[in-house]
Amino acid sequence: MNTKLTLSLKKSIIEKAKQYAKSNNQSLSQIIESYLDKITSQNPEFGDPELDSLRGIIKLPKDFDLKKESRSLRIKKHG
């Protein structure tokens, strides 16, 4: 069952999205539905191909603490 959704977006983005949809023979609703389905999927095979290609490139130590490092970098940058 389809349900109506109202979005507020910049006019320029809407126009570009409409052109994209038309050039790909899809409706704007189909494109948005597909995107939302992709980003909310729990299935890892629907990940972002660009990000997936980077996964595993950097080898971090087992005791690496992302929160601690992020905080440290913010302190260095912003004081």
PDB file of N, CA and C in Angstrom:
ATOM      1  N   MET A   1       0.836  -1.180   0.000  1.00  0.00           N
ATOM      2  CA  MET A   1       0.000   0.000   0.000  1.00  0.00           C
ATOM      3  C   MET A   1       0.885   1.249   0.000  1.00  0.00           C
ATOM      4  N   ASN A   2       0.617   2.146  -0.899  1.00  0.00           N
ATOM      5  CA  ASN A   2       1.374   3.390  -0.968  1.00  0.00           C
ATOM      6  C   ASN A   2       0.725   4.446  -0.097  1.00  0.00           C
ATOM      7  N   THR A   3       1.562   5.279   0.507  1.00  0.00           N
ATOM      8  CA  THR A   3       1.114   6.379   1.341  1.00  0.00           C
ATOM      9  C   THR A   3       1.773   7.650   0.850  1.00  0.00           C
ATOM     10  N   LYS A   4       1.051   8.736   0.891  1.00  0.00           N
ATOM     11  CA  LYS A   4       1.572  10.011   0.427  1.00  0.00           C
ATOM     12  C   LYS A   4       2.546  10.597   1.449  1.00  0.00           C
ATOM     13  N   LEU A   5       3.610  11.238   0.963  1.00  0.00           N
ATOM     14  CA  LEU A   5       4.615  11.876   1.805  1.00  0.00           C
ATOM     15  C   LEU A   5       4.886  13.268   1.255  1.00  0.00           C
ATOM     16  N   THR A   6       4.910  14.250   2.115  1.00  0.00           N
ATOM     17  CA  THR A   6       5.207  15.618   1.701  1.00  0.00           C
ATOM     18  C   THR A   6       6.598  15.981   2.199  1.00  0.00           C
ATOM     19  N   LEU A   7       7.420  16.478   1.287  1.00  0.00           N
ATOM     20  CA  LEU A   7       8.786  16.881   1.630  1.00  0.00           C
ATOM     21  C   LEU A   7       8.982  18.351   1.302  1.00  0.00           C
ATOM     22  N   SER A   8       9.834  19.021   2.047  1.00  0.00           N
ATOM     23  CA  SER A   8      10.217  20.398   1.754  1.00  0.00           C
ATOM     24  C   SER A   8      11.688  20.384   1.357  1.00  0.00           C
ATOM     25  N   LEU A   9      11.940  20.725   0.090  1.00  0.00           N
ATOM     26  CA  LEU A   9      13.302  20.713  -0.439  1.00  0.00           C
ATOM     27  C   LEU A   9      13.561  21.995  -1.217  1.00  0.00           C
ATOM     28  N   LYS A  10      14.832  22.290  -1.426  1.00  0.00           N
ATOM     29  CA  LYS A  10      15.186  23.441  -2.240  1.00  0.00           C
ATOM     30  C   LYS A  10      14.666  23.223  -3.661  1.00  0.00           C
ATOM     31  N   LYS A  11      14.149  24.289  -4.245  1.00  0.00           N
ATOM     32  CA  LYS A  11      13.577  24.198  -5.591  1.00  0.00           C
ATOM     33  C   LYS A  11      14.608  23.689  -6.598  1.00  0.00           C
ATOM     34  N   SER A  12      15.843  24.155  -6.470  1.00  0.00           N
ATOM     35  CA  SER A  12      16.883  23.749  -7.424  1.00  0.00           C
ATOM     36  C   SER A  12      17.161  22.246  -7.349  1.00  0.00           C
ATOM     37  N   ILE A  13      17.090  21.694  -6.156  1.00  0.00           N
ATOM     38  CA  ILE A  13      17.307  20.257  -5.986  1.00  0.00           C
ATOM     39  C   ILE A  13      16.154  19.477  -6.599  1.00  0.00           C
ATOM     40  N   ILE A  14      14.939  19.970  -6.397  1.00  0.00           N
ATOM     41  CA  ILE A  14      13.772  19.299  -6.974  1.00  0.00           C
ATOM     42  C   ILE A  14      13.872  19.278  -8.501  1.00  0.00           C
ATOM     43  N   GLU A  15      14.249  20.395  -9.074  1.00  0.00           N
ATOM     44  CA  GLU A  15      14.356  20.461 -10.545  1.00  0.00           C
ATOM     45  C   GLU A  15      15.429  19.507 -11.072  1.00  0.00           C
ATOM     46  N   LYS A  16      16.591  19.469 -10.396  1.00  0.00           N
ATOM     47  CA  LYS A  16      17.649  18.543 -10.818  1.00  0.00           C
ATOM     48  C   LYS A  16      17.198  17.094 -10.664  1.00  0.00           C
ATOM     49  N   ALA A  17      16.494  16.812  -9.574  1.00  0.00           N
ATOM     50  CA  ALA A  17      16.009  15.450  -9.329  1.00  0.00           C
ATOM     51  C   ALA A  17      14.984  15.033 -10.374  1.00  0.00           C
ATOM     52  N   LYS A  18      14.115  15.954 -10.765  1.00  0.00           N
ATOM     53  CA  LYS A  18      13.129  15.654 -11.809  1.00  0.00           C
ATOM     54  C   LYS A  18      13.826  15.352 -13.136  1.00  0.00           C
ATOM     55  N   GLN A  19      14.840  16.129 -13.468  1.00  0.00           N
ATOM     56  CA  GLN A  19      15.597  15.883 -14.706  1.00  0.00           C
ATOM     57  C   GLN A  19      16.282  14.522 -14.653  1.00  0.00           C
ATOM     58  N   TYR A  20      16.865  14.208 -13.506  1.00  0.00           N
ATOM     59  CA  TYR A  20      17.529  12.916 -13.328  1.00  0.00           C
ATOM     60  C   TYR A  20      16.530  11.780 -13.504  1.00  0.00           C
ATOM     61  N   ALA A  21      15.378  11.912 -12.861  1.00  0.00           N
ATOM     62  CA  ALA A  21      14.344  10.875 -12.945  1.00  0.00           C
ATOM     63  C   ALA A  21      13.893  10.683 -14.390  1.00  0.00           C
ATOM     64  N   LYS A  22      13.660  11.780 -15.078  1.00  0.00           N
ATOM     65  CA  LYS A  22      13.210  11.701 -16.469  1.00  0.00           C
ATOM     66  C   LYS A  22      14.258  11.024 -17.352  1.00  0.00           C
ATOM     67  N   SER A  23      15.518  11.383 -17.152  1.00  0.00           N
ATOM     68  CA  SER A  23      16.586  10.802 -17.983  1.00  0.00           C
ATOM     69  C   SER A  23      16.806   9.324 -17.678  1.00  0.00           C
ATOM     70  N   ASN A  24      16.325   8.858 -16.526  1.00  0.00           N
ATOM     71  CA  ASN A  24      16.458   7.449 -16.156  1.00  0.00           C
ATOM     72  C   ASN A  24      15.133   6.693 -16.257  1.00  0.00           C
ATOM     73  N   ASN A  25      14.160   7.324 -16.910  1.00  0.00           N
ATOM     74  CA  ASN A  25      12.838   6.707 -17.114  1.00  0.00           C
ATOM     75  C   ASN A  25      12.219   6.187 -15.822  1.00  0.00           C
ATOM     76  N   GLN A  26      12.308   6.999 -14.780  1.00  0.00           N
ATOM     77  CA  GLN A  26      11.714   6.662 -13.485  1.00  0.00           C
ATOM     78  C   GLN A  26      10.956   7.871 -12.970  1.00  0.00           C
ATOM     79  N   SER A  27      10.069   7.614 -12.043  1.00  0.00           N
ATOM     80  CA  SER A  27       9.413   8.740 -11.381  1.00  0.00           C
ATOM     81  C   SER A  27      10.289   9.168 -10.209  1.00  0.00           C
ATOM     82  N   LEU A  28      10.095  10.389  -9.789  1.00  0.00           N
ATOM     83  CA  LEU A  28      10.833  10.887  -8.631  1.00  0.00           C
ATOM     84  C   LEU A  28      10.472  10.067  -7.397  1.00  0.00           C
ATOM     85  N   SER A  29       9.223   9.667  -7.295  1.00  0.00           N
ATOM     86  CA  SER A  29       8.786   8.825  -6.169  1.00  0.00           C
ATOM     87  C   SER A  29       9.531   7.492  -6.161  1.00  0.00           C
ATOM     88  N   GLN A  30       9.723   6.894  -7.334  1.00  0.00           N
ATOM     89  CA  GLN A  30      10.443   5.612  -7.406  1.00  0.00           C
ATOM     90  C   GLN A  30      11.885   5.768  -6.939  1.00  0.00           C
ATOM     91  N   ILE A  31      12.508   6.848  -7.346  1.00  0.00           N
ATOM     92  CA  ILE A  31      13.904   7.080  -6.971  1.00  0.00           C
ATOM     93  C   ILE A  31      14.025   7.301  -5.465  1.00  0.00           C
ATOM     94  N   ILE A  32      13.153   8.111  -4.904  1.00  0.00           N
ATOM     95  CA  ILE A  32      13.203   8.383  -3.465  1.00  0.00           C
ATOM     96  C   ILE A  32      12.894   7.124  -2.673  1.00  0.00           C
ATOM     97  N   GLU A  33      11.906   6.361  -3.119  1.00  0.00           N
ATOM     98  CA  GLU A  33      11.567   5.113  -2.430  1.00  0.00           C
ATOM     99  C   GLU A  33      12.740   4.142  -2.450  1.00  0.00           C
ATOM    100  N   SER A  34      13.389   4.026  -3.595  1.00  0.00           N
ATOM    101  CA  SER A  34      14.537   3.133  -3.721  1.00  0.00           C
ATOM    102  C   SER A  34      15.676   3.570  -2.804  1.00  0.00           C
ATOM    103  N   TYR A  35      15.939   4.874  -2.765  1.00  0.00           N
ATOM    104  CA  TYR A  35      17.001   5.403  -1.912  1.00  0.00           C
ATOM    105  C   TYR A  35      16.703   5.151  -0.437  1.00  0.00           C
ATOM    106  N   LEU A  36      15.479   5.456  -0.021  1.00  0.00           N
ATOM    107  CA  LEU A  36      15.117   5.249   1.386  1.00  0.00           C
ATOM    108  C   LEU A  36      15.174   3.775   1.758  1.00  0.00           C
ATOM    109  N   ASP A  37      14.766   2.928   0.840  1.00  0.00           N
ATOM    110  CA  ASP A  37      14.838   1.489   1.093  1.00  0.00           C
ATOM    111  C   ASP A  37      16.297   1.059   1.258  1.00  0.00           C
ATOM    112  N   LYS A  38      17.160   1.595   0.418  1.00  0.00           N
ATOM    113  CA  LYS A  38      18.583   1.242   0.465  1.00  0.00           C
ATOM    114  C   LYS A  38      19.233   1.667   1.778  1.00  0.00           C
ATOM    115  N   ILE A  39      18.997   2.900   2.199  1.00  0.00           N
ATOM    116  CA  ILE A  39      19.689   3.394   3.391  1.00  0.00           C
ATOM    117  C   ILE A  39      19.117   2.841   4.686  1.00  0.00           C
ATOM    118  N   THR A  40      17.901   2.324   4.647  1.00  0.00           N
ATOM    119  CA  THR A  40      17.309   1.762   5.855  1.00  0.00           C
ATOM    120  C   THR A  40      17.386   0.245   5.894  1.00  0.00           C
ATOM    121  N   SER A  41      17.965  -0.349   4.871  1.00  0.00           N
ATOM    122  CA  SER A  41      18.069  -1.802   4.799  1.00  0.00           C
ATOM    123  C   SER A  41      19.088  -2.323   5.802  1.00  0.00           C
ATOM    124  N   GLN A  42      18.767  -3.445   6.435  1.00  0.00           N
ATOM    125  CA  GLN A  42      19.694  -4.089   7.367  1.00  0.00           C
ATOM    126  C   GLN A  42      20.622  -5.046   6.626  1.00  0.00           C
ATOM    127  N   ASN A  43      20.397  -5.218   5.347  1.00  0.00           N
ATOM    128  CA  ASN A  43      21.171  -6.147   4.540  1.00  0.00           C
ATOM    129  C   ASN A  43      22.438  -5.456   4.042  1.00  0.00           C
ATOM    130  N   PRO A  44      23.623  -5.909   4.445  1.00  0.00           N
ATOM    131  CA  PRO A  44      24.867  -5.216   4.076  1.00  0.00           C
ATOM    132  C   PRO A  44      25.149  -5.183   2.582  1.00  0.00           C
ATOM    133  N   GLU A  45      24.510  -6.052   1.797  1.00  0.00           N
ATOM    134  CA  GLU A  45      24.781  -6.052   0.356  1.00  0.00           C
ATOM    135  C   GLU A  45      24.249  -4.794  -0.319  1.00  0.00           C
ATOM    136  N   PHE A  46      23.420  -3.999   0.393  1.00  0.00           N
ATOM    137  CA  PHE A  46      22.891  -2.778  -0.170  1.00  0.00           C
ATOM    138  C   PHE A  46      23.682  -1.556   0.279  1.00  0.00           C
ATOM    139  N   GLY A  47      24.917  -1.755   0.687  1.00  0.00           N
ATOM    140  CA  GLY A  47      25.738  -0.646   1.145  1.00  0.00           C
ATOM    141  C   GLY A  47      26.150   0.263   0.002  1.00  0.00           C
ATOM    142  N   ASP A  48      26.822   1.318   0.327  1.00  0.00           N
ATOM    143  CA  ASP A  48      27.313   2.265  -0.659  1.00  0.00           C
ATOM    144  C   ASP A  48      28.556   1.680  -1.313  1.00  0.00           C
ATOM    145  N   PRO A  49      28.549   1.463  -2.635  1.00  0.00           N
ATOM    146  CA  PRO A  49      29.699   0.850  -3.306  1.00  0.00           C
ATOM    147  C   PRO A  49      31.007   1.604  -3.098  1.00  0.00           C
ATOM    148  N   GLU A  50      30.938   2.934  -3.070  1.00  0.00           N
ATOM    149  CA  GLU A  50      32.162   3.715  -2.866  1.00  0.00           C
ATOM    150  C   GLU A  50      32.717   3.490  -1.469  1.00  0.00           C
ATOM    151  N   LEU A  51      31.843   3.509  -0.463  1.00  0.00           N
ATOM    152  CA  LEU A  51      32.309   3.279   0.898  1.00  0.00           C
ATOM    153  C   LEU A  51      32.741   1.834   1.093  1.00  0.00           C
ATOM    154  N   ASP A  52      32.008   0.911   0.501  1.00  0.00           N
ATOM    155  CA  ASP A  52      32.357  -0.505   0.625  1.00  0.00           C
ATOM    156  C   ASP A  52      33.740  -0.787   0.043  1.00  0.00           C
ATOM    157  N   SER A  53      34.112  -0.060  -1.026  1.00  0.00           N
ATOM    158  CA  SER A  53      35.425  -0.282  -1.638  1.00  0.00           C
ATOM    159  C   SER A  53      36.556   0.174  -0.725  1.00  0.00           C
ATOM    160  N   LEU A  54      36.255   1.072   0.230  1.00  0.00           N
ATOM    161  CA  LEU A  54      37.269   1.564   1.156  1.00  0.00           C
ATOM    162  C   LEU A  54      37.381   0.717   2.412  1.00  0.00           C
ATOM    163  N   ARG A  55      36.343  -0.065   2.685  1.00  0.00           N
ATOM    164  CA  ARG A  55      36.297  -0.863   3.911  1.00  0.00           C
ATOM    165  C   ARG A  55      37.493  -1.812   3.959  1.00  0.00           C
ATOM    166  N   GLY A  56      38.207  -1.802   5.073  1.00  0.00           N
ATOM    167  CA  GLY A  56      39.321  -2.720   5.256  1.00  0.00           C
ATOM    168  C   GLY A  56      40.665  -2.188   4.783  1.00  0.00           C
ATOM    169  N   ILE A  57      40.700  -0.996   4.206  1.00  0.00           N
ATOM    170  CA  ILE A  57      41.965  -0.451   3.703  1.00  0.00           C
ATOM    171  C   ILE A  57      42.892  -0.074   4.853  1.00  0.00           C
ATOM    172  N   ILE A  58      42.332   0.518   5.894  1.00  0.00           N
ATOM    173  CA  ILE A  58      43.130   0.978   7.027  1.00  0.00           C
ATOM    174  C   ILE A  58      43.105  -0.088   8.120  1.00  0.00           C
ATOM    175  N   LYS A  59      44.281  -0.452   8.588  1.00  0.00           N
ATOM    176  CA  LYS A  59      44.400  -1.423   9.680  1.00  0.00           C
ATOM    177  C   LYS A  59      44.669  -0.650  10.967  1.00  0.00           C
ATOM    178  N   LEU A  60      43.732  -0.732  11.899  1.00  0.00           N
ATOM    179  CA  LEU A  60      43.874  -0.039  13.172  1.00  0.00           C
ATOM    180  C   LEU A  60      44.222  -1.041  14.272  1.00  0.00           C
ATOM    181  N   PRO A  61      44.917  -0.578  15.309  1.00  0.00           N
ATOM    182  CA  PRO A  61      45.216  -1.477  16.426  1.00  0.00           C
ATOM    183  C   PRO A  61      43.928  -1.953  17.097  1.00  0.00           C
ATOM    184  N   LYS A  62      43.975  -3.123  17.686  1.00  0.00           N
ATOM    185  CA  LYS A  62      42.789  -3.687  18.339  1.00  0.00           C
ATOM    186  C   LYS A  62      42.286  -2.809  19.472  1.00  0.00           C
ATOM    187  N   ASP A  63      43.190  -2.062  20.123  1.00  0.00           N
ATOM    188  CA  ASP A  63      42.781  -1.213  21.249  1.00  0.00           C
ATOM    189  C   ASP A  63      42.444   0.220  20.813  1.00  0.00           C
ATOM    190  N   PHE A  64      42.264   0.456  19.513  1.00  0.00           N
ATOM    191  CA  PHE A  64      41.939   1.787  19.002  1.00  0.00           C
ATOM    192  C   PHE A  64      40.582   2.234  19.534  1.00  0.00           C
ATOM    193  N   ASP A  65      40.532   3.433  20.114  1.00  0.00           N
ATOM    194  CA  ASP A  65      39.297   3.982  20.680  1.00  0.00           C
ATOM    195  C   ASP A  65      38.867   5.176  19.826  1.00  0.00           C
ATOM    196  N   LEU A  66      37.879   4.947  18.967  1.00  0.00           N
ATOM    197  CA  LEU A  66      37.430   5.970  18.035  1.00  0.00           C
ATOM    198  C   LEU A  66      36.924   7.215  18.757  1.00  0.00           C
ATOM    199  N   LYS A  67      36.137   7.029  19.811  1.00  0.00           N
ATOM    200  CA  LYS A  67      35.603   8.179  20.550  1.00  0.00           C
ATOM    201  C   LYS A  67      36.723   9.015  21.153  1.00  0.00           C
ATOM    202  N   LYS A  68      37.714   8.349  21.726  1.00  0.00           N
ATOM    203  CA  LYS A  68      38.842   9.049  22.348  1.00  0.00           C
ATOM    204  C   LYS A  68      39.628   9.827  21.283  1.00  0.00           C
ATOM    205  N   GLU A  69      39.898   9.198  20.156  1.00  0.00           N
ATOM    206  CA  GLU A  69      40.654   9.857  19.091  1.00  0.00           C
ATOM    207  C   GLU A  69      39.872  11.028  18.504  1.00  0.00           C
ATOM    208  N   SER A  70      38.572  10.855  18.318  1.00  0.00           N
ATOM    209  CA  SER A  70      37.738  11.926  17.776  1.00  0.00           C
ATOM    210  C   SER A  70      37.744  13.124  18.710  1.00  0.00           C
ATOM    211  N   ARG A  71      37.617  12.858  19.996  1.00  0.00           N
ATOM    212  CA  ARG A  71      37.624  13.935  20.992  1.00  0.00           C
ATOM    213  C   ARG A  71      38.969  14.656  20.980  1.00  0.00           C
ATOM    214  N   SER A  72      40.040  13.889  20.918  1.00  0.00           N
ATOM    215  CA  SER A  72      41.376  14.467  20.896  1.00  0.00           C
ATOM    216  C   SER A  72      41.571  15.378  19.683  1.00  0.00           C
ATOM    217  N   LEU A  73      41.099  14.936  18.524  1.00  0.00           N
ATOM    218  CA  LEU A  73      41.218  15.744  17.314  1.00  0.00           C
ATOM    219  C   LEU A  73      40.400  17.025  17.391  1.00  0.00           C
ATOM    220  N   ARG A  74      39.188  16.927  17.982  1.00  0.00           N
ATOM    221  CA  ARG A  74      38.346  18.120  18.146  1.00  0.00           C
ATOM    222  C   ARG A  74      39.008  19.130  19.070  1.00  0.00           C
ATOM    223  N   ILE A  75      39.627  18.642  20.137  1.00  0.00           N
ATOM    224  CA  ILE A  75      40.301  19.521  21.086  1.00  0.00           C
ATOM    225  C   ILE A  75      41.477  20.215  20.399  1.00  0.00           C
ATOM    226  N   LYS A  76      42.259  19.468  19.620  1.00  0.00           N
ATOM    227  CA  LYS A  76      43.384  20.062  18.909  1.00  0.00           C
ATOM    228  C   LYS A  76      42.918  21.120  17.925  1.00  0.00           C
ATOM    229  N   LYS A  77      41.809  20.842  17.232  1.00  0.00           N
ATOM    230  CA  LYS A  77      41.318  21.768  16.216  1.00  0.00           C
ATOM    231  C   LYS A  77      40.653  22.999  16.809  1.00  0.00           C
ATOM    232  N   HIS A  78      39.846  22.796  17.849  1.00  0.00           N
ATOM    233  CA  HIS A  78      39.024  23.899  18.381  1.00  0.00           C
ATOM    234  C   HIS A  78      39.490  24.414  19.742  1.00  0.00           C
ATOM    235  N   GLY A  79      40.469  23.762  20.316  1.00  0.00           N
ATOM    236  CA  GLY A  79      41.008  24.232  21.582  1.00  0.00           C
ATOM    237  C   GLY A  79      40.253  23.846  22.793  1.00  0.00           C
TER     238      GLY A  79
END
